[in-house]
Amino acid sequence: MKQEKLEAILATARKMFARYGLRKTNLDELARMARVAKGTIYNYFGSKDRVYLEVLAQEADEIVEKISSAVAGERSPEEKLAAFVRAKFQYMRQAINILNLDREGAGRYYPSAENIRNSFFEREVEIISSILKEGKEKGHFRMNNVLLTARAIGYALKGFELTWLVRESEERIEHYLSELLNLMFLGLVSEKKALEGKTRVLLPGPLSGQGAER
């Protein structure tokens, strides 16, 4: 009975927080919608903030589990990395409260929620790192620092989350992901230039803004 009530509270809270946000969600209404007494919510969680944190943690756990499952279903490092990227954007659509946390910048005012968000990101980086390490050991990938590369990929993908998931259609996102994966695996340098070894990278000068060749 206790487990059923917990699940009812969290399932209802997840929907209400996603729709109204933390501040506008009312515990009286939450109790009514979950069909439990308001005192039951206090007994189980102690406060509305604790319910919110549990919802965020639950969302994070579910997304990481689904991404991990998608990756585990592939064989090669290339397929695993592609599965990670696609699964991330497929399942992040379900993490409405985590996305709202980023969109509203609530983490700046609610450190405990930001800690959950940061932990979620680090778990993603761990998955990417394991894929890259396997790929490097098998000679599929080439990189100097696995963890640094994993974090760079993680930050790049996180930067696209709100723009793509909130504003773009699934078809457009799939197009973006295809191009992104192509870039990750093949890079920008043409095969001819790579073989010639004559690729030039223009970097801005320290103050003048003029390019410097390397």
N, C-alpha and C. Protein backbone atom coordinates (compact mmCIF):
# COMPACT_ATOMS: atom_id res chain seq x y z
N MET A 1 0.83 -1.21 0.00
CA MET A 1 0.00 0.00 0.00
C MET A 1 0.86 1.26 0.00
N LYS A 2 1.92 1.23 0.83
CA LYS A 2 2.79 2.39 0.89
C LYS A 2 3.44 2.65 -0.45
N GLN A 3 3.92 1.60 -1.14
CA GLN A 3 4.57 1.74 -2.43
C GLN A 3 3.60 2.30 -3.46
N GLU A 4 2.37 1.86 -3.42
CA GLU A 4 1.36 2.35 -4.36
C GLU A 4 1.13 3.85 -4.17
N LYS A 5 1.07 4.27 -2.90
CA LYS A 5 0.87 5.69 -2.64
C LYS A 5 2.07 6.52 -3.08
N LEU A 6 3.27 6.01 -2.83
CA LEU A 6 4.48 6.70 -3.28
C LEU A 6 4.49 6.88 -4.79
N GLU A 7 4.17 5.81 -5.49
CA GLU A 7 4.16 5.86 -6.95
C GLU A 7 3.09 6.82 -7.46
N ALA A 8 1.94 6.83 -6.80
CA ALA A 8 0.86 7.74 -7.20
C ALA A 8 1.26 9.19 -7.00
N ILE A 9 1.91 9.47 -5.86
CA ILE A 9 2.36 10.84 -5.57
C ILE A 9 3.39 11.29 -6.59
N LEU A 10 4.39 10.45 -6.85
CA LEU A 10 5.47 10.83 -7.76
C LEU A 10 4.98 10.96 -9.20
N ALA A 11 4.11 10.06 -9.62
CA ALA A 11 3.59 10.12 -10.99
C ALA A 11 2.77 11.40 -11.19
N THR A 12 1.96 11.73 -10.20
CA THR A 12 1.14 12.94 -10.27
C THR A 12 2.02 14.18 -10.19
N ALA A 13 2.98 14.17 -9.27
CA ALA A 13 3.88 15.31 -9.10
C ALA A 13 4.68 15.56 -10.37
N ARG A 14 5.11 14.51 -11.01
CA ARG A 14 5.90 14.65 -12.24
C ARG A 14 5.12 15.43 -13.31
N LYS A 15 3.85 15.09 -13.46
CA LYS A 15 3.01 15.77 -14.43
C LYS A 15 2.75 17.22 -14.03
N MET A 16 2.50 17.44 -12.74
CA MET A 16 2.18 18.79 -12.29
C MET A 16 3.39 19.71 -12.32
N PHE A 17 4.55 19.20 -11.90
CA PHE A 17 5.77 20.02 -11.97
C PHE A 17 6.10 20.35 -13.42
N ALA A 18 5.90 19.37 -14.32
CA ALA A 18 6.20 19.60 -15.74
C ALA A 18 5.28 20.68 -16.31
N ARG A 19 4.05 20.72 -15.84
CA ARG A 19 3.08 21.67 -16.38
C ARG A 19 3.15 23.04 -15.70
N TYR A 20 3.29 23.05 -14.38
CA TYR A 20 3.20 24.30 -13.63
C TYR A 20 4.53 24.80 -13.08
N GLY A 21 5.51 23.92 -12.98
CA GLY A 21 6.77 24.31 -12.34
C GLY A 21 6.69 24.11 -10.84
N LEU A 22 7.83 24.23 -10.18
CA LEU A 22 7.89 23.99 -8.75
C LEU A 22 7.06 24.99 -7.96
N ARG A 23 7.21 26.26 -8.26
CA ARG A 23 6.57 27.30 -7.45
C ARG A 23 5.06 27.28 -7.55
N LYS A 24 4.53 26.98 -8.73
CA LYS A 24 3.09 27.06 -8.93
C LYS A 24 2.36 25.76 -8.62
N THR A 25 3.11 24.72 -8.35
CA THR A 25 2.47 23.45 -8.00
C THR A 25 2.01 23.52 -6.54
N ASN A 26 0.76 23.21 -6.32
CA ASN A 26 0.15 23.31 -5.00
C ASN A 26 0.02 21.92 -4.38
N LEU A 27 0.46 21.78 -3.12
CA LEU A 27 0.41 20.47 -2.47
C LEU A 27 -1.01 19.97 -2.24
N ASP A 28 -1.93 20.89 -1.97
CA ASP A 28 -3.32 20.49 -1.79
C ASP A 28 -3.86 19.86 -3.08
N GLU A 29 -3.55 20.49 -4.20
CA GLU A 29 -4.00 19.98 -5.48
C GLU A 29 -3.29 18.67 -5.82
N LEU A 30 -1.99 18.61 -5.49
CA LEU A 30 -1.23 17.39 -5.73
C LEU A 30 -1.83 16.22 -4.94
N ALA A 31 -2.17 16.46 -3.69
CA ALA A 31 -2.77 15.42 -2.86
C ALA A 31 -4.12 14.98 -3.43
N ARG A 32 -4.91 15.95 -3.87
CA ARG A 32 -6.23 15.63 -4.43
C ARG A 32 -6.09 14.79 -5.69
N MET A 33 -5.17 15.19 -6.59
CA MET A 33 -5.00 14.48 -7.86
C MET A 33 -4.41 13.08 -7.65
N ALA A 34 -3.53 12.95 -6.64
CA ALA A 34 -2.92 11.65 -6.35
C ALA A 34 -3.82 10.77 -5.48
N ARG A 35 -4.92 11.37 -4.99
CA ARG A 35 -5.90 10.66 -4.15
C ARG A 35 -5.26 10.15 -2.84
N VAL A 36 -4.50 11.05 -2.23
CA VAL A 36 -3.92 10.77 -0.92
C VAL A 36 -4.14 11.99 -0.04
N ALA A 37 -3.95 11.82 1.24
CA ALA A 37 -4.07 12.96 2.16
C ALA A 37 -2.81 13.81 2.06
N LYS A 38 -2.98 15.10 2.26
CA LYS A 38 -1.83 16.00 2.23
C LYS A 38 -0.79 15.59 3.26
N GLY A 39 -1.28 15.12 4.41
CA GLY A 39 -0.37 14.67 5.46
C GLY A 39 0.47 13.48 5.03
N THR A 40 -0.08 12.67 4.13
CA THR A 40 0.67 11.51 3.63
C THR A 40 1.91 11.97 2.86
N ILE A 41 1.74 13.04 2.08
CA ILE A 41 2.88 13.58 1.32
C ILE A 41 3.95 14.07 2.27
N TYR A 42 3.53 14.76 3.34
CA TYR A 42 4.49 15.25 4.33
C TYR A 42 5.17 14.09 5.05
N ASN A 43 4.41 13.05 5.33
CA ASN A 43 4.99 11.90 6.03
C ASN A 43 6.06 11.20 5.18
N TYR A 44 5.81 11.10 3.88
CA TYR A 44 6.73 10.40 2.99
C TYR A 44 7.92 11.26 2.58
N PHE A 45 7.67 12.56 2.37
CA PHE A 45 8.72 13.41 1.79
C PHE A 45 9.13 14.59 2.68
N GLY A 46 8.24 15.08 3.48
CA GLY A 46 8.58 16.18 4.38
C GLY A 46 8.29 17.55 3.82
N SER A 47 8.36 17.72 2.50
CA SER A 47 8.11 19.02 1.90
C SER A 47 7.90 18.88 0.39
N LYS A 48 7.38 19.93 -0.22
CA LYS A 48 7.20 19.94 -1.67
C LYS A 48 8.55 19.88 -2.38
N ASP A 49 9.55 20.55 -1.82
CA ASP A 49 10.88 20.54 -2.43
C ASP A 49 11.45 19.13 -2.52
N ARG A 50 11.22 18.33 -1.49
CA ARG A 50 11.73 16.96 -1.49
C ARG A 50 11.01 16.11 -2.55
N VAL A 51 9.73 16.38 -2.76
CA VAL A 51 9.00 15.68 -3.81
C VAL A 51 9.61 16.03 -5.16
N TYR A 52 9.89 17.32 -5.35
CA TYR A 52 10.48 17.80 -6.61
C TYR A 52 11.83 17.16 -6.87
N LEU A 53 12.67 17.09 -5.85
CA LEU A 53 13.99 16.48 -6.00
C LEU A 53 13.88 15.00 -6.35
N GLU A 54 12.91 14.33 -5.74
CA GLU A 54 12.71 12.91 -6.04
C GLU A 54 12.25 12.71 -7.48
N VAL A 55 11.41 13.61 -7.95
CA VAL A 55 10.96 13.55 -9.35
C VAL A 55 12.14 13.75 -10.30
N LEU A 56 12.99 14.72 -10.02
CA LEU A 56 14.16 14.96 -10.86
C LEU A 56 15.09 13.75 -10.87
N ALA A 57 15.33 13.18 -9.69
CA ALA A 57 16.21 12.02 -9.59
C ALA A 57 15.62 10.83 -10.34
N GLN A 58 14.31 10.67 -10.24
CA GLN A 58 13.63 9.58 -10.93
C GLN A 58 13.75 9.73 -12.44
N GLU A 59 13.54 10.95 -12.92
CA GLU A 59 13.68 11.21 -14.36
C GLU A 59 15.10 10.89 -14.83
N ALA A 60 16.07 11.37 -14.08
CA ALA A 60 17.47 11.15 -14.45
C ALA A 60 17.80 9.66 -14.51
N ASP A 61 17.37 8.91 -13.49
CA ASP A 61 17.64 7.47 -13.45
C ASP A 61 17.01 6.76 -14.65
N GLU A 62 15.79 7.14 -14.98
CA GLU A 62 15.09 6.49 -16.09
C GLU A 62 15.80 6.75 -17.42
N ILE A 63 16.22 7.99 -17.64
CA ILE A 63 16.87 8.33 -18.92
C ILE A 63 18.21 7.63 -19.03
N VAL A 64 19.00 7.63 -17.97
CA VAL A 64 20.30 6.96 -18.00
C VAL A 64 20.13 5.47 -18.25
N GLU A 65 19.12 4.87 -17.61
CA GLU A 65 18.87 3.44 -17.80
C GLU A 65 18.50 3.13 -19.24
N LYS A 66 17.66 3.96 -19.84
CA LYS A 66 17.22 3.73 -21.21
C LYS A 66 18.38 3.96 -22.20
N ILE A 67 19.19 4.98 -21.95
CA ILE A 67 20.34 5.23 -22.82
C ILE A 67 21.33 4.07 -22.72
N SER A 68 21.60 3.62 -21.50
CA SER A 68 22.53 2.51 -21.29
C SER A 68 22.04 1.25 -21.99
N SER A 69 20.74 1.01 -21.93
CA SER A 69 20.16 -0.16 -22.58
C SER A 69 20.32 -0.08 -24.09
N ALA A 70 20.11 1.12 -24.65
CA ALA A 70 20.26 1.30 -26.10
C ALA A 70 21.70 1.06 -26.53
N VAL A 71 22.65 1.55 -25.73
CA VAL A 71 24.07 1.37 -26.04
C VAL A 71 24.46 -0.09 -25.94
N ALA A 72 23.96 -0.77 -24.92
CA ALA A 72 24.30 -2.19 -24.70
C ALA A 72 23.81 -3.08 -25.82
N GLY A 73 22.82 -2.61 -26.56
CA GLY A 73 22.27 -3.41 -27.64
C GLY A 73 23.08 -3.39 -28.92
N GLU A 74 24.17 -2.58 -28.93
CA GLU A 74 25.02 -2.47 -30.13
C GLU A 74 26.34 -3.18 -29.90
N ARG A 75 27.03 -3.47 -31.00
CA ARG A 75 28.27 -4.26 -30.90
C ARG A 75 29.53 -3.41 -31.04
N SER A 76 29.64 -2.62 -32.09
CA SER A 76 30.87 -1.87 -32.33
C SER A 76 30.85 -0.54 -31.59
N PRO A 77 32.03 0.04 -31.30
CA PRO A 77 32.08 1.35 -30.64
C PRO A 77 31.36 2.43 -31.44
N GLU A 78 31.48 2.36 -32.78
CA GLU A 78 30.80 3.35 -33.62
C GLU A 78 29.29 3.25 -33.45
N GLU A 79 28.77 2.04 -33.46
CA GLU A 79 27.34 1.84 -33.30
C GLU A 79 26.87 2.24 -31.90
N LYS A 80 27.70 1.99 -30.91
CA LYS A 80 27.36 2.36 -29.54
C LYS A 80 27.29 3.87 -29.37
N LEU A 81 28.25 4.59 -29.97
CA LEU A 81 28.26 6.04 -29.85
C LEU A 81 27.06 6.64 -30.57
N ALA A 82 26.75 6.10 -31.75
CA ALA A 82 25.58 6.57 -32.50
C ALA A 82 24.30 6.29 -31.71
N ALA A 83 24.23 5.11 -31.08
CA ALA A 83 23.06 4.74 -30.28
C ALA A 83 22.92 5.68 -29.08
N PHE A 84 24.04 6.03 -28.46
CA PHE A 84 24.00 6.95 -27.33
C PHE A 84 23.40 8.29 -27.74
N VAL A 85 23.91 8.85 -28.83
CA VAL A 85 23.45 10.17 -29.27
C VAL A 85 21.96 10.15 -29.60
N ARG A 86 21.54 9.15 -30.33
CA ARG A 86 20.13 9.10 -30.73
C ARG A 86 19.22 8.81 -29.53
N ALA A 87 19.64 7.90 -28.67
CA ALA A 87 18.83 7.58 -27.49
C ALA A 87 18.70 8.78 -26.57
N LYS A 88 19.77 9.53 -26.43
CA LYS A 88 19.75 10.71 -25.57
C LYS A 88 18.64 11.67 -26.00
N PHE A 89 18.59 11.96 -27.29
CA PHE A 89 17.59 12.93 -27.75
C PHE A 89 16.20 12.32 -27.86
N GLN A 90 16.12 11.02 -28.02
CA GLN A 90 14.83 10.37 -28.03
C GLN A 90 14.19 10.39 -26.65
N TYR A 91 14.98 10.04 -25.63
CA TYR A 91 14.42 9.90 -24.29
C TYR A 91 14.43 11.19 -23.48
N MET A 92 15.28 12.14 -23.86
CA MET A 92 15.28 13.41 -23.13
C MET A 92 13.96 14.16 -23.28
N ARG A 93 13.21 13.86 -24.34
CA ARG A 93 11.89 14.47 -24.50
C ARG A 93 10.98 14.12 -23.32
N GLN A 94 11.26 12.99 -22.68
CA GLN A 94 10.44 12.56 -21.55
C GLN A 94 10.87 13.21 -20.24
N ALA A 95 12.06 13.79 -20.23
CA ALA A 95 12.59 14.40 -19.00
C ALA A 95 12.19 15.87 -18.93
N ILE A 96 10.89 16.12 -18.91
CA ILE A 96 10.39 17.49 -18.98
C ILE A 96 10.89 18.34 -17.82
N ASN A 97 10.94 17.79 -16.63
CA ASN A 97 11.34 18.58 -15.47
C ASN A 97 12.82 18.92 -15.50
N ILE A 98 13.65 18.01 -16.01
CA ILE A 98 15.07 18.31 -16.16
C ILE A 98 15.27 19.39 -17.21
N LEU A 99 14.54 19.29 -18.32
CA LEU A 99 14.63 20.32 -19.35
C LEU A 99 14.15 21.66 -18.83
N ASN A 100 13.07 21.66 -18.06
CA ASN A 100 12.56 22.91 -17.50
C ASN A 100 13.56 23.52 -16.51
N LEU A 101 14.27 22.65 -15.80
CA LEU A 101 15.29 23.13 -14.87
C LEU A 101 16.36 23.91 -15.62
N ASP A 102 16.76 23.40 -16.79
CA ASP A 102 17.75 24.10 -17.61
C ASP A 102 17.15 25.35 -18.23
N ARG A 103 15.94 25.24 -18.73
CA ARG A 103 15.33 26.36 -19.45
C ARG A 103 15.07 27.55 -18.53
N GLU A 104 14.63 27.27 -17.32
CA GLU A 104 14.30 28.34 -16.39
C GLU A 104 15.48 28.81 -15.55
N GLY A 105 16.61 28.09 -15.67
CA GLY A 105 17.78 28.46 -14.89
C GLY A 105 17.56 28.30 -13.40
N ALA A 106 16.64 27.40 -13.03
CA ALA A 106 16.28 27.23 -11.62
C ALA A 106 17.43 26.71 -10.78
N GLY A 107 18.38 26.04 -11.43
CA GLY A 107 19.49 25.48 -10.68
C GLY A 107 20.32 26.52 -9.95
N ARG A 108 20.31 27.74 -10.48
CA ARG A 108 21.07 28.81 -9.82
C ARG A 108 20.50 29.14 -8.45
N TYR A 109 19.19 28.91 -8.30
CA TYR A 109 18.53 29.26 -7.05
C TYR A 109 18.21 28.02 -6.20
N TYR A 110 18.47 26.85 -6.76
CA TYR A 110 18.11 25.61 -6.09
C TYR A 110 19.26 24.62 -6.24
N PRO A 111 20.32 24.78 -5.43
CA PRO A 111 21.53 23.97 -5.58
C PRO A 111 21.30 22.46 -5.56
N SER A 112 20.36 22.00 -4.74
CA SER A 112 20.12 20.55 -4.66
C SER A 112 19.63 20.00 -6.00
N ALA A 113 18.79 20.78 -6.70
CA ALA A 113 18.31 20.36 -8.01
C ALA A 113 19.45 20.40 -9.03
N GLU A 114 20.27 21.40 -8.92
CA GLU A 114 21.42 21.51 -9.83
C GLU A 114 22.39 20.37 -9.62
N ASN A 115 22.51 19.91 -8.40
CA ASN A 115 23.40 18.76 -8.12
C ASN A 115 22.91 17.51 -8.83
N ILE A 116 21.60 17.33 -8.86
CA ILE A 116 21.02 16.18 -9.57
C ILE A 116 21.28 16.32 -11.05
N ARG A 117 21.12 17.53 -11.57
CA ARG A 117 21.37 17.77 -13.01
C ARG A 117 22.83 17.51 -13.35
N ASN A 118 23.73 17.99 -12.51
CA ASN A 118 25.16 17.78 -12.76
C ASN A 118 25.54 16.30 -12.68
N SER A 119 24.95 15.58 -11.72
CA SER A 119 25.21 14.16 -11.60
C SER A 119 24.72 13.41 -12.83
N PHE A 120 23.57 13.83 -13.35
CA PHE A 120 23.03 13.25 -14.57
C PHE A 120 24.00 13.43 -15.73
N PHE A 121 24.56 14.61 -15.85
CA PHE A 121 25.53 14.89 -16.91
C PHE A 121 26.78 14.03 -16.75
N GLU A 122 27.28 13.91 -15.53
CA GLU A 122 28.48 13.11 -15.30
C GLU A 122 28.25 11.64 -15.62
N ARG A 123 27.06 11.15 -15.37
CA ARG A 123 26.74 9.76 -15.72
C ARG A 123 26.72 9.58 -17.23
N GLU A 124 26.25 10.59 -17.94
CA GLU A 124 26.31 10.54 -19.41
C GLU A 124 27.75 10.50 -19.88
N VAL A 125 28.59 11.33 -19.28
CA VAL A 125 30.01 11.38 -19.65
C VAL A 125 30.67 10.02 -19.40
N GLU A 126 30.29 9.36 -18.32
CA GLU A 126 30.85 8.04 -18.02
C GLU A 126 30.52 7.04 -19.13
N ILE A 127 29.30 7.11 -19.64
CA ILE A 127 28.89 6.20 -20.72
C ILE A 127 29.70 6.51 -21.97
N ILE A 128 29.81 7.79 -22.30
CA ILE A 128 30.58 8.19 -23.49
C ILE A 128 32.03 7.75 -23.34
N SER A 129 32.59 7.96 -22.14
CA SER A 129 34.00 7.59 -21.89
C SER A 129 34.23 6.11 -22.11
N SER A 130 33.30 5.28 -21.64
CA SER A 130 33.47 3.83 -21.79
C SER A 130 33.44 3.44 -23.26
N ILE A 131 32.60 4.12 -24.04
CA ILE A 131 32.52 3.83 -25.48
C ILE A 131 33.81 4.26 -26.17
N LEU A 132 34.28 5.46 -25.85
CA LEU A 132 35.51 5.97 -26.47
C LEU A 132 36.72 5.13 -26.09
N LYS A 133 36.78 4.71 -24.83
CA LYS A 133 37.90 3.88 -24.38
C LYS A 133 37.94 2.57 -25.15
N GLU A 134 36.77 1.95 -25.30
CA GLU A 134 36.70 0.71 -26.07
C GLU A 134 37.13 0.94 -27.51
N GLY A 135 36.64 2.04 -28.08
CA GLY A 135 36.99 2.34 -29.47
C GLY A 135 38.47 2.61 -29.66
N LYS A 136 39.08 3.28 -28.69
CA LYS A 136 40.51 3.56 -28.78
C LYS A 136 41.32 2.28 -28.65
N GLU A 137 40.93 1.43 -27.70
CA GLU A 137 41.65 0.17 -27.49
C GLU A 137 41.57 -0.74 -28.70
N LYS A 138 40.45 -0.69 -29.42
CA LYS A 138 40.28 -1.53 -30.59
C LYS A 138 40.82 -0.89 -31.86
N GLY A 139 41.30 0.35 -31.73
CA GLY A 139 41.85 1.03 -32.89
C GLY A 139 40.81 1.66 -33.79
N HIS A 140 39.57 1.81 -33.29
CA HIS A 140 38.50 2.41 -34.08
C HIS A 140 38.52 3.94 -33.97
N PHE A 141 38.91 4.45 -32.81
CA PHE A 141 38.92 5.89 -32.57
C PHE A 141 40.35 6.35 -32.31
N ARG A 142 40.58 7.62 -32.61
CA ARG A 142 41.89 8.20 -32.36
C ARG A 142 41.70 9.49 -31.57
N MET A 143 42.32 9.55 -30.38
CA MET A 143 42.21 10.74 -29.53
C MET A 143 43.34 10.74 -28.52
N ASN A 144 43.65 11.90 -28.00
CA ASN A 144 44.73 12.01 -27.02
C ASN A 144 44.25 11.75 -25.60
N ASN A 145 43.06 12.22 -25.28
CA ASN A 145 42.55 12.13 -23.92
C ASN A 145 41.08 11.70 -23.96
N VAL A 146 40.80 10.48 -23.50
CA VAL A 146 39.46 9.92 -23.58
C VAL A 146 38.46 10.74 -22.78
N LEU A 147 38.79 11.05 -21.52
CA LEU A 147 37.86 11.76 -20.65
C LEU A 147 37.58 13.16 -21.17
N LEU A 148 38.62 13.85 -21.62
CA LEU A 148 38.45 15.21 -22.15
C LEU A 148 37.56 15.19 -23.38
N THR A 149 37.77 14.21 -24.25
CA THR A 149 36.94 14.08 -25.45
C THR A 149 35.50 13.76 -25.08
N ALA A 150 35.32 12.88 -24.09
CA ALA A 150 33.97 12.51 -23.65
C ALA A 150 33.23 13.73 -23.09
N ARG A 151 33.92 14.53 -22.31
CA ARG A 151 33.29 15.72 -21.73
C ARG A 151 32.96 16.75 -22.83
N ALA A 152 33.84 16.86 -23.82
CA ALA A 152 33.59 17.78 -24.92
C ALA A 152 32.33 17.37 -25.68
N ILE A 153 32.19 16.07 -25.94
CA ILE A 153 30.99 15.56 -26.62
C ILE A 153 29.76 15.79 -25.75
N GLY A 154 29.90 15.50 -24.44
CA GLY A 154 28.79 15.69 -23.52
C GLY A 154 28.30 17.13 -23.49
N TYR A 155 29.23 18.07 -23.39
CA TYR A 155 28.86 19.49 -23.36
C TYR A 155 28.23 19.93 -24.68
N ALA A 156 28.77 19.43 -25.79
CA ALA A 156 28.23 19.79 -27.10
C ALA A 156 26.78 19.32 -27.21
N LEU A 157 26.51 18.09 -26.82
CA LEU A 157 25.15 17.56 -26.90
C LEU A 157 24.21 18.29 -25.94
N LYS A 158 24.70 18.60 -24.76
CA LYS A 158 23.86 19.32 -23.79
C LYS A 158 23.48 20.70 -24.33
N GLY A 159 24.41 21.31 -25.05
CA GLY A 159 24.13 22.63 -25.61
C GLY A 159 23.02 22.63 -26.64
N PHE A 160 22.80 21.48 -27.28
CA PHE A 160 21.76 21.38 -28.29
C PHE A 160 20.39 21.02 -27.71
N GLU A 161 20.36 20.53 -26.47
CA GLU A 161 19.13 19.96 -25.91
C GLU A 161 17.93 20.89 -26.01
N LEU A 162 18.01 22.06 -25.41
CA LEU A 162 16.85 22.93 -25.35
C LEU A 162 16.45 23.42 -26.73
N THR A 163 17.42 23.82 -27.54
CA THR A 163 17.11 24.34 -28.86
C THR A 163 16.43 23.30 -29.72
N TRP A 164 16.96 22.09 -29.72
CA TRP A 164 16.40 21.05 -30.57
C TRP A 164 15.11 20.45 -30.01
N LEU A 165 15.13 20.07 -28.75
CA LEU A 165 13.98 19.36 -28.19
C LEU A 165 12.75 20.24 -28.02
N VAL A 166 12.96 21.51 -27.78
CA VAL A 166 11.83 22.42 -27.55
C VAL A 166 11.32 23.03 -28.85
N ARG A 167 12.24 23.30 -29.78
CA ARG A 167 11.86 24.09 -30.96
C ARG A 167 11.77 23.30 -32.26
N GLU A 168 12.37 22.12 -32.31
CA GLU A 168 12.46 21.41 -33.58
C GLU A 168 11.61 20.15 -33.62
N SER A 169 11.23 19.74 -34.83
CA SER A 169 10.47 18.52 -35.02
C SER A 169 11.40 17.31 -34.94
N GLU A 170 10.81 16.13 -34.76
CA GLU A 170 11.62 14.92 -34.69
C GLU A 170 12.38 14.69 -36.00
N GLU A 171 11.73 15.01 -37.11
CA GLU A 171 12.38 14.84 -38.41
C GLU A 171 13.61 15.74 -38.53
N ARG A 172 13.47 16.98 -38.10
CA ARG A 172 14.60 17.92 -38.17
C ARG A 172 15.71 17.49 -37.22
N ILE A 173 15.34 17.02 -36.03
CA ILE A 173 16.35 16.57 -35.08
C ILE A 173 17.13 15.39 -35.64
N GLU A 174 16.44 14.47 -36.29
CA GLU A 174 17.11 13.32 -36.89
C GLU A 174 18.10 13.77 -37.96
N HIS A 175 17.72 14.78 -38.71
CA HIS A 175 18.63 15.34 -39.72
C HIS A 175 19.87 15.93 -39.05
N TYR A 176 19.66 16.70 -37.99
CA TYR A 176 20.78 17.28 -37.26
C TYR A 176 21.69 16.20 -36.69
N LEU A 177 21.08 15.17 -36.11
CA LEU A 177 21.86 14.10 -35.50
C LEU A 177 22.70 13.36 -36.55
N SER A 178 22.13 13.15 -37.72
CA SER A 178 22.87 12.48 -38.79
C SER A 178 24.10 13.29 -39.19
N GLU A 179 23.92 14.59 -39.30
CA GLU A 179 25.05 15.46 -39.65
C GLU A 179 26.08 15.51 -38.52
N LEU A 180 25.59 15.53 -37.29
CA LEU A 180 26.49 15.59 -36.14
C LEU A 180 27.32 14.31 -36.05
N LEU A 181 26.68 13.16 -36.24
CA LEU A 181 27.39 11.89 -36.19
C LEU A 181 28.40 11.79 -37.33
N ASN A 182 28.03 12.29 -38.48
CA ASN A 182 28.95 12.30 -39.61
C ASN A 182 30.19 13.13 -39.29
N LEU A 183 29.96 14.26 -38.64
CA LEU A 183 31.07 15.12 -38.24
C LEU A 183 31.94 14.45 -37.19
N MET A 184 31.33 13.80 -36.22
CA MET A 184 32.08 13.15 -35.15
C MET A 184 32.96 12.02 -35.69
N PHE A 185 32.43 11.25 -36.65
CA PHE A 185 33.16 10.09 -37.14
C PHE A 185 34.13 10.43 -38.27
N LEU A 186 33.76 11.38 -39.12
CA LEU A 186 34.58 11.66 -40.30
C LEU A 186 35.32 12.98 -40.22
N GLY A 187 34.85 13.91 -39.38
CA GLY A 187 35.50 15.20 -39.28
C GLY A 187 35.18 16.09 -40.45
N LEU A 188 35.82 17.26 -40.49
CA LEU A 188 35.59 18.23 -41.55
C LEU A 188 36.63 18.14 -42.66
N VAL A 189 37.76 17.56 -42.34
CA VAL A 189 38.87 17.53 -43.29
C VAL A 189 38.62 16.47 -44.36
N SER A 190 38.78 16.84 -45.61
CA SER A 190 38.58 15.89 -46.70
C SER A 190 39.67 14.84 -46.68
N GLU A 191 39.36 13.68 -47.24
CA GLU A 191 40.35 12.59 -47.27
C GLU A 191 41.60 13.03 -48.03
N LYS A 192 41.41 13.78 -49.10
CA LYS A 192 42.55 14.25 -49.89
C LYS A 192 43.47 15.13 -49.07
N LYS A 193 42.88 16.07 -48.33
CA LYS A 193 43.67 16.96 -47.51
C LYS A 193 44.35 16.22 -46.37
N ALA A 194 43.65 15.25 -45.81
CA ALA A 194 44.23 14.48 -44.71
C ALA A 194 45.46 13.71 -45.20
N LEU A 195 45.36 13.16 -46.39
CA LEU A 195 46.50 12.42 -46.94
C LEU A 195 47.65 13.35 -47.28
N GLU A 196 47.32 14.54 -47.75
CA GLU A 196 48.37 15.50 -48.09
C GLU A 196 49.08 16.03 -46.86
N GLY A 197 48.33 16.05 -45.73
CA GLY A 197 48.91 16.59 -44.50
C GLY A 197 49.16 18.07 -44.57
N LYS A 198 48.36 18.76 -45.39
CA LYS A 198 48.58 20.19 -45.59
C LYS A 198 47.42 21.03 -45.08
N THR A 199 46.64 20.47 -44.18
CA THR A 199 45.49 21.20 -43.66
C THR A 199 45.94 22.39 -42.84
N ARG A 200 45.31 23.52 -43.06
CA ARG A 200 45.62 24.75 -42.32
C ARG A 200 44.46 25.10 -41.40
N VAL A 201 44.78 25.46 -40.18
CA VAL A 201 43.77 25.92 -39.23
C VAL A 201 44.02 27.37 -38.93
N LEU A 202 43.06 28.23 -39.15
CA LEU A 202 43.21 29.66 -38.90
C LEU A 202 42.68 29.99 -37.51
N LEU A 203 43.54 30.54 -36.68
CA LEU A 203 43.16 30.93 -35.34
C LEU A 203 43.24 32.44 -35.22
N PRO A 204 42.32 33.06 -34.48
CA PRO A 204 42.38 34.51 -34.32
C PRO A 204 43.60 34.93 -33.53
N GLY A 205 44.17 36.07 -33.90
CA GLY A 205 45.31 36.61 -33.16
C GLY A 205 44.88 37.03 -31.78
N PRO A 206 45.81 37.23 -30.85
CA PRO A 206 45.46 37.52 -29.46
C PRO A 206 44.69 38.80 -29.25
N LEU A 207 44.96 39.83 -30.06
CA LEU A 207 44.28 41.10 -29.88
C LEU A 207 43.73 41.66 -31.18
N SER A 208 44.50 41.47 -32.26
CA SER A 208 44.14 42.12 -33.52
C SER A 208 42.97 41.47 -34.21
N GLY A 209 42.70 40.18 -33.90
CA GLY A 209 41.63 39.47 -34.57
C GLY A 209 42.05 38.90 -35.90
N GLN A 210 43.33 39.07 -36.29
CA GLN A 210 43.81 38.52 -37.54
C GLN A 210 44.16 37.06 -37.35
N GLY A 211 44.03 36.30 -38.42
CA GLY A 211 44.28 34.87 -38.33
C GLY A 211 45.75 34.55 -38.32
N ALA A 212 46.06 33.42 -37.67
CA ALA A 212 47.43 32.91 -37.65
C ALA A 212 47.40 31.46 -38.08
N GLU A 213 48.27 31.09 -39.01
CA GLU A 213 48.27 29.72 -39.50
C GLU A 213 48.99 28.79 -38.56
N ARG A 214 48.47 27.55 -38.52
CA ARG A 214 49.16 26.50 -37.77
C ARG A 214 49.21 25.26 -38.62
